Amino acid sequence: MAAWGPVLVAIVLFVLLTPGLLFQLSGHDRVVEFGGMKTSCAAVIAHAVIFFGILTLFLVAVGVHVYAG
């Protein structure tokens, strides 16, 4: 049986934390911009750090497991 939990969590977080899609930290005009669809290097780094932090929290601390088979 394959554990699909880590894959699903990573995909959902990647889509939700894409800079500029829902929100963007380190925006051009404000600290937080919503739905701007513009990114900067600082925003990409901030969202990458948040992504890996939340992914680590879900996979290691919570232990998300989804089995298919």
PDB file of N, CA and C in Angstrom:
ATOM      1  N   MET A   1       0.834  -1.185   0.000  1.00  0.00           N
ATOM      2  CA  MET A   1       0.000   0.000   0.000  1.00  0.00           C
ATOM      3  C   MET A   1       0.880   1.250   0.000  1.00  0.00           C
ATOM      4  N   ALA A   2       0.477   2.213  -0.766  1.00  0.00           N
ATOM      5  CA  ALA A   2       1.219   3.466  -0.842  1.00  0.00           C
ATOM      6  C   ALA A   2       0.552   4.520   0.031  1.00  0.00           C
ATOM      7  N   ALA A   3       1.365   5.278   0.737  1.00  0.00           N
ATOM      8  CA  ALA A   3       0.845   6.362   1.569  1.00  0.00           C
ATOM      9  C   ALA A   3       0.751   7.616   0.710  1.00  0.00           C
ATOM     10  N   TRP A   4      -0.460   8.066   0.445  1.00  0.00           N
ATOM     11  CA  TRP A   4      -0.684   9.233  -0.399  1.00  0.00           C
ATOM     12  C   TRP A   4      -0.897  10.515   0.397  1.00  0.00           C
ATOM     13  N   GLY A   5      -0.880  10.447   1.708  1.00  0.00           N
ATOM     14  CA  GLY A   5      -1.075  11.633   2.540  1.00  0.00           C
ATOM     15  C   GLY A   5      -0.068  12.731   2.296  1.00  0.00           C
ATOM     16  N   PRO A   6       1.232  12.422   2.320  1.00  0.00           N
ATOM     17  CA  PRO A   6       2.224  13.476   2.069  1.00  0.00           C
ATOM     18  C   PRO A   6       2.100  14.114   0.697  1.00  0.00           C
ATOM     19  N   VAL A   7       1.756  13.334  -0.295  1.00  0.00           N
ATOM     20  CA  VAL A   7       1.605  13.871  -1.656  1.00  0.00           C
ATOM     21  C   VAL A   7       0.419  14.823  -1.725  1.00  0.00           C
ATOM     22  N   LEU A   8      -0.709  14.420  -1.165  1.00  0.00           N
ATOM     23  CA  LEU A   8      -1.906  15.268  -1.195  1.00  0.00           C
ATOM     24  C   LEU A   8      -1.714  16.555  -0.397  1.00  0.00           C
ATOM     25  N   VAL A   9      -1.101  16.444   0.768  1.00  0.00           N
ATOM     26  CA  VAL A   9      -0.862  17.634   1.589  1.00  0.00           C
ATOM     27  C   VAL A   9       0.071  18.599   0.865  1.00  0.00           C
ATOM     28  N   ALA A  10       1.126  18.079   0.233  1.00  0.00           N
ATOM     29  CA  ALA A  10       2.075  18.938  -0.480  1.00  0.00           C
ATOM     30  C   ALA A  10       1.412  19.637  -1.666  1.00  0.00           C
ATOM     31  N   ILE A  11       0.564  18.931  -2.399  1.00  0.00           N
ATOM     32  CA  ILE A  11      -0.107  19.538  -3.559  1.00  0.00           C
ATOM     33  C   ILE A  11      -1.071  20.635  -3.115  1.00  0.00           C
ATOM     34  N   VAL A  12      -1.862  20.360  -2.094  1.00  0.00           N
ATOM     35  CA  VAL A  12      -2.833  21.350  -1.612  1.00  0.00           C
ATOM     36  C   VAL A  12      -2.116  22.591  -1.080  1.00  0.00           C
ATOM     37  N   LEU A  13      -1.066  22.384  -0.291  1.00  0.00           N
ATOM     38  CA  LEU A  13      -0.326  23.532   0.232  1.00  0.00           C
ATOM     39  C   LEU A  13       0.368  24.313  -0.876  1.00  0.00           C
ATOM     40  N   PHE A  14       0.899  23.618  -1.870  1.00  0.00           N
ATOM     41  CA  PHE A  14       1.561  24.305  -2.981  1.00  0.00           C
ATOM     42  C   PHE A  14       0.583  25.209  -3.730  1.00  0.00           C
ATOM     43  N   VAL A  15      -0.616  24.704  -3.977  1.00  0.00           N
ATOM     44  CA  VAL A  15      -1.611  25.504  -4.692  1.00  0.00           C
ATOM     45  C   VAL A  15      -2.077  26.679  -3.843  1.00  0.00           C
ATOM     46  N   LEU A  16      -2.353  26.434  -2.563  1.00  0.00           N
ATOM     47  CA  LEU A  16      -2.859  27.505  -1.702  1.00  0.00           C
ATOM     48  C   LEU A  16      -1.803  28.559  -1.378  1.00  0.00           C
ATOM     49  N   LEU A  17      -0.544  28.155  -1.310  1.00  0.00           N
ATOM     50  CA  LEU A  17       0.505  29.098  -0.930  1.00  0.00           C
ATOM     51  C   LEU A  17       1.291  29.646  -2.112  1.00  0.00           C
ATOM     52  N   THR A  18       0.772  29.511  -3.311  1.00  0.00           N
ATOM     53  CA  THR A  18       1.425  30.124  -4.465  1.00  0.00           C
ATOM     54  C   THR A  18       1.350  31.648  -4.309  1.00  0.00           C
ATOM     55  N   PRO A  19       2.500  32.329  -4.335  1.00  0.00           N
ATOM     56  CA  PRO A  19       2.474  33.780  -4.127  1.00  0.00           C
ATOM     57  C   PRO A  19       1.605  34.485  -5.165  1.00  0.00           C
ATOM     58  N   GLY A  20       0.689  35.297  -4.686  1.00  0.00           N
ATOM     59  CA  GLY A  20      -0.154  36.084  -5.569  1.00  0.00           C
ATOM     60  C   GLY A  20      -1.491  35.457  -5.882  1.00  0.00           C
ATOM     61  N   LEU A  21      -1.667  34.164  -5.623  1.00  0.00           N
ATOM     62  CA  LEU A  21      -2.939  33.515  -5.953  1.00  0.00           C
ATOM     63  C   LEU A  21      -4.023  33.938  -4.975  1.00  0.00           C
ATOM     64  N   LEU A  22      -3.895  33.586  -3.708  1.00  0.00           N
ATOM     65  CA  LEU A  22      -4.853  34.016  -2.689  1.00  0.00           C
ATOM     66  C   LEU A  22      -4.358  35.260  -1.960  1.00  0.00           C
ATOM     67  N   PHE A  23      -3.110  35.213  -1.550  1.00  0.00           N
ATOM     68  CA  PHE A  23      -2.508  36.351  -0.858  1.00  0.00           C
ATOM     69  C   PHE A  23      -1.022  36.360  -1.156  1.00  0.00           C
ATOM     70  N   GLN A  24      -0.377  37.471  -0.821  1.00  0.00           N
ATOM     71  CA  GLN A  24       1.060  37.586  -1.029  1.00  0.00           C
ATOM     72  C   GLN A  24       1.664  38.355   0.123  1.00  0.00           C
ATOM     73  N   LEU A  25       2.590  37.726   0.821  1.00  0.00           N
ATOM     74  CA  LEU A  25       3.352  38.420   1.844  1.00  0.00           C
ATOM     75  C   LEU A  25       4.489  39.160   1.154  1.00  0.00           C
ATOM     76  N   SER A  26       4.886  40.260   1.696  1.00  0.00           N
ATOM     77  CA  SER A  26       5.900  41.139   1.090  1.00  0.00           C
ATOM     78  C   SER A  26       5.420  41.648  -0.256  1.00  0.00           C
ATOM     79  N   GLY A  27       4.218  42.226  -0.255  1.00  0.00           N
ATOM     80  CA  GLY A  27       3.642  42.741  -1.492  1.00  0.00           C
ATOM     81  C   GLY A  27       4.354  43.983  -1.986  1.00  0.00           C
ATOM     82  N   HIS A  28       3.934  44.470  -3.139  1.00  0.00           N
ATOM     83  CA  HIS A  28       4.563  45.645  -3.736  1.00  0.00           C
ATOM     84  C   HIS A  28       4.175  46.929  -3.001  1.00  0.00           C
ATOM     85  N   ASP A  29       2.895  47.069  -2.682  1.00  0.00           N
ATOM     86  CA  ASP A  29       2.430  48.300  -2.043  1.00  0.00           C
ATOM     87  C   ASP A  29       2.187  48.134  -0.547  1.00  0.00           C
ATOM     88  N   ARG A  30       1.760  46.948  -0.123  1.00  0.00           N
ATOM     89  CA  ARG A  30       1.435  46.678   1.279  1.00  0.00           C
ATOM     90  C   ARG A  30       2.191  45.448   1.746  1.00  0.00           C
ATOM     91  N   VAL A  31       2.113  45.189   3.055  1.00  0.00           N
ATOM     92  CA  VAL A  31       2.764  44.001   3.600  1.00  0.00           C
ATOM     93  C   VAL A  31       2.064  42.744   3.108  1.00  0.00           C
ATOM     94  N   VAL A  32       0.723  42.760   3.109  1.00  0.00           N
ATOM     95  CA  VAL A  32      -0.070  41.624   2.625  1.00  0.00           C
ATOM     96  C   VAL A  32      -1.012  42.129   1.548  1.00  0.00           C
ATOM     97  N   GLU A  33      -0.933  41.520   0.369  1.00  0.00           N
ATOM     98  CA  GLU A  33      -1.842  41.843  -0.731  1.00  0.00           C
ATOM     99  C   GLU A  33      -2.678  40.612  -1.047  1.00  0.00           C
ATOM    100  N   PHE A  34      -3.919  40.816  -1.432  1.00  0.00           N
ATOM    101  CA  PHE A  34      -4.823  39.717  -1.738  1.00  0.00           C
ATOM    102  C   PHE A  34      -5.164  39.724  -3.230  1.00  0.00           C
ATOM    103  N   GLY A  35      -4.917  38.586  -3.890  1.00  0.00           N
ATOM    104  CA  GLY A  35      -5.292  38.411  -5.288  1.00  0.00           C
ATOM    105  C   GLY A  35      -4.570  39.321  -6.247  1.00  0.00           C
ATOM    106  N   GLY A  36      -3.322  39.675  -5.985  1.00  0.00           N
ATOM    107  CA  GLY A  36      -2.594  40.596  -6.842  1.00  0.00           C
ATOM    108  C   GLY A  36      -2.022  39.950  -8.092  1.00  0.00           C
ATOM    109  N   MET A  37      -1.732  38.637  -8.034  1.00  0.00           N
ATOM    110  CA  MET A  37      -1.136  37.871  -9.142  1.00  0.00           C
ATOM    111  C   MET A  37       0.198  38.449  -9.604  1.00  0.00           C
ATOM    112  N   LYS A  38       0.904  39.168  -8.732  1.00  0.00           N
ATOM    113  CA  LYS A  38       2.248  39.659  -9.008  1.00  0.00           C
ATOM    114  C   LYS A  38       3.152  39.152  -7.888  1.00  0.00           C
ATOM    115  N   THR A  39       4.372  38.774  -8.232  1.00  0.00           N
ATOM    116  CA  THR A  39       5.276  38.255  -7.226  1.00  0.00           C
ATOM    117  C   THR A  39       6.583  39.022  -7.231  1.00  0.00           C
ATOM    118  N   SER A  40       7.311  38.868  -6.162  1.00  0.00           N
ATOM    119  CA  SER A  40       8.651  39.405  -6.045  1.00  0.00           C
ATOM    120  C   SER A  40       9.530  38.317  -5.447  1.00  0.00           C
ATOM    121  N   CYS A  41      10.805  38.535  -5.446  1.00  0.00           N
ATOM    122  CA  CYS A  41      11.725  37.545  -4.891  1.00  0.00           C
ATOM    123  C   CYS A  41      11.484  37.356  -3.394  1.00  0.00           C
ATOM    124  N   ALA A  42      11.224  38.431  -2.687  1.00  0.00           N
ATOM    125  CA  ALA A  42      10.953  38.339  -1.249  1.00  0.00           C
ATOM    126  C   ALA A  42       9.674  37.552  -0.978  1.00  0.00           C
ATOM    127  N   ALA A  43       8.658  37.723  -1.829  1.00  0.00           N
ATOM    128  CA  ALA A  43       7.405  36.986  -1.657  1.00  0.00           C
ATOM    129  C   ALA A  43       7.601  35.500  -1.902  1.00  0.00           C
ATOM    130  N   VAL A  44       8.398  35.142  -2.899  1.00  0.00           N
ATOM    131  CA  VAL A  44       8.651  33.735  -3.194  1.00  0.00           C
ATOM    132  C   VAL A  44       9.387  33.078  -2.028  1.00  0.00           C
ATOM    133  N   ILE A  45      10.374  33.758  -1.472  1.00  0.00           N
ATOM    134  CA  ILE A  45      11.121  33.208  -0.345  1.00  0.00           C
ATOM    135  C   ILE A  45      10.235  33.084   0.884  1.00  0.00           C
ATOM    136  N   ALA A  46       9.417  34.094   1.162  1.00  0.00           N
ATOM    137  CA  ALA A  46       8.521  34.044   2.318  1.00  0.00           C
ATOM    138  C   ALA A  46       7.524  32.901   2.187  1.00  0.00           C
ATOM    139  N   HIS A  47       6.936  32.717   1.017  1.00  0.00           N
ATOM    140  CA  HIS A  47       5.969  31.651   0.817  1.00  0.00           C
ATOM    141  C   HIS A  47       6.637  30.274   0.848  1.00  0.00           C
ATOM    142  N   ALA A  48       7.884  30.159   0.389  1.00  0.00           N
ATOM    143  CA  ALA A  48       8.607  28.885   0.446  1.00  0.00           C
ATOM    144  C   ALA A  48       8.886  28.481   1.890  1.00  0.00           C
ATOM    145  N   VAL A  49       9.280  29.444   2.719  1.00  0.00           N
ATOM    146  CA  VAL A  49       9.530  29.157   4.130  1.00  0.00           C
ATOM    147  C   VAL A  49       8.240  28.728   4.823  1.00  0.00           C
ATOM    148  N   ILE A  50       7.145  29.429   4.541  1.00  0.00           N
ATOM    149  CA  ILE A  50       5.853  29.066   5.130  1.00  0.00           C
ATOM    150  C   ILE A  50       5.416  27.687   4.644  1.00  0.00           C
ATOM    151  N   PHE A  51       5.593  27.396   3.353  1.00  0.00           N
ATOM    152  CA  PHE A  51       5.223  26.099   2.783  1.00  0.00           C
ATOM    153  C   PHE A  51       5.952  24.962   3.485  1.00  0.00           C
ATOM    154  N   PHE A  52       7.270  25.059   3.587  1.00  0.00           N
ATOM    155  CA  PHE A  52       8.034  23.981   4.201  1.00  0.00           C
ATOM    156  C   PHE A  52       7.762  23.864   5.693  1.00  0.00           C
ATOM    157  N   GLY A  53       7.482  24.979   6.358  1.00  0.00           N
ATOM    158  CA  GLY A  53       7.125  24.916   7.774  1.00  0.00           C
ATOM    159  C   GLY A  53       5.810  24.192   8.008  1.00  0.00           C
ATOM    160  N   ILE A  54       4.787  24.550   7.244  1.00  0.00           N
ATOM    161  CA  ILE A  54       3.483  23.908   7.402  1.00  0.00           C
ATOM    162  C   ILE A  54       3.530  22.454   6.935  1.00  0.00           C
ATOM    163  N   LEU A  55       4.263  22.169   5.851  1.00  0.00           N
ATOM    164  CA  LEU A  55       4.398  20.796   5.364  1.00  0.00           C
ATOM    165  C   LEU A  55       5.079  19.922   6.413  1.00  0.00           C
ATOM    166  N   THR A  56       6.130  20.424   7.026  1.00  0.00           N
ATOM    167  CA  THR A  56       6.811  19.679   8.084  1.00  0.00           C
ATOM    168  C   THR A  56       5.888  19.448   9.267  1.00  0.00           C
ATOM    169  N   LEU A  57       5.122  20.451   9.620  1.00  0.00           N
ATOM    170  CA  LEU A  57       4.176  20.312  10.728  1.00  0.00           C
ATOM    171  C   LEU A  57       3.168  19.208  10.450  1.00  0.00           C
ATOM    172  N   PHE A  58       2.589  19.204   9.260  1.00  0.00           N
ATOM    173  CA  PHE A  58       1.582  18.193   8.928  1.00  0.00           C
ATOM    174  C   PHE A  58       2.179  16.797   8.818  1.00  0.00           C
ATOM    175  N   LEU A  59       3.345  16.662   8.216  1.00  0.00           N
ATOM    176  CA  LEU A  59       3.890  15.336   7.959  1.00  0.00           C
ATOM    177  C   LEU A  59       4.583  14.723   9.163  1.00  0.00           C
ATOM    178  N   VAL A  60       5.287  15.527   9.945  1.00  0.00           N
ATOM    179  CA  VAL A  60       6.039  14.984  11.069  1.00  0.00           C
ATOM    180  C   VAL A  60       5.225  15.024  12.360  1.00  0.00           C
ATOM    181  N   ALA A  61       4.700  16.189  12.704  1.00  0.00           N
ATOM    182  CA  ALA A  61       4.020  16.339  13.986  1.00  0.00           C
ATOM    183  C   ALA A  61       2.628  15.710  13.985  1.00  0.00           C
ATOM    184  N   VAL A  62       1.854  15.957  12.938  1.00  0.00           N
ATOM    185  CA  VAL A  62       0.488  15.443  12.886  1.00  0.00           C
ATOM    186  C   VAL A  62       0.479  14.014  12.355  1.00  0.00           C
ATOM    187  N   GLY A  63       1.353  13.714  11.400  1.00  0.00           N
ATOM    188  CA  GLY A  63       1.431  12.371  10.838  1.00  0.00           C
ATOM    189  C   GLY A  63       0.264  12.030   9.950  1.00  0.00           C
ATOM    190  N   VAL A  64       0.051  12.829   8.921  1.00  0.00           N
ATOM    191  CA  VAL A  64      -1.062  12.600   7.997  1.00  0.00           C
ATOM    192  C   VAL A  64      -0.782  11.354   7.161  1.00  0.00           C
ATOM    193  N   HIS A  65      -1.747  10.434   7.127  1.00  0.00           N
ATOM    194  CA  HIS A  65      -1.619   9.211   6.340  1.00  0.00           C
ATOM    195  C   HIS A  65      -2.906   8.965   5.575  1.00  0.00           C
ATOM    196  N   VAL A  66      -2.795   8.767   4.272  1.00  0.00           N
ATOM    197  CA  VAL A  66      -3.923   8.375   3.430  1.00  0.00           C
ATOM    198  C   VAL A  66      -3.447   7.167   2.630  1.00  0.00           C
ATOM    199  N   TYR A  67      -4.132   6.046   2.784  1.00  0.00           N
ATOM    200  CA  TYR A  67      -3.726   4.823   2.098  1.00  0.00           C
ATOM    201  C   TYR A  67      -4.682   4.512   0.967  1.00  0.00           C
ATOM    202  N   ALA A  68      -4.131   4.129  -0.159  1.00  0.00           N
ATOM    203  CA  ALA A  68      -4.933   3.747  -1.307  1.00  0.00           C
ATOM    204  C   ALA A  68      -4.581   2.302  -1.662  1.00  0.00           C
ATOM    205  N   GLY A  69      -5.595   1.525  -1.889  1.00  0.00           N
ATOM    206  CA  GLY A  69      -5.256   0.165  -2.274  1.00  0.00           C
ATOM    207  C   GLY A  69      -6.245  -0.834  -1.914  1.00  0.00           C
TER     208      GLY A  69
END
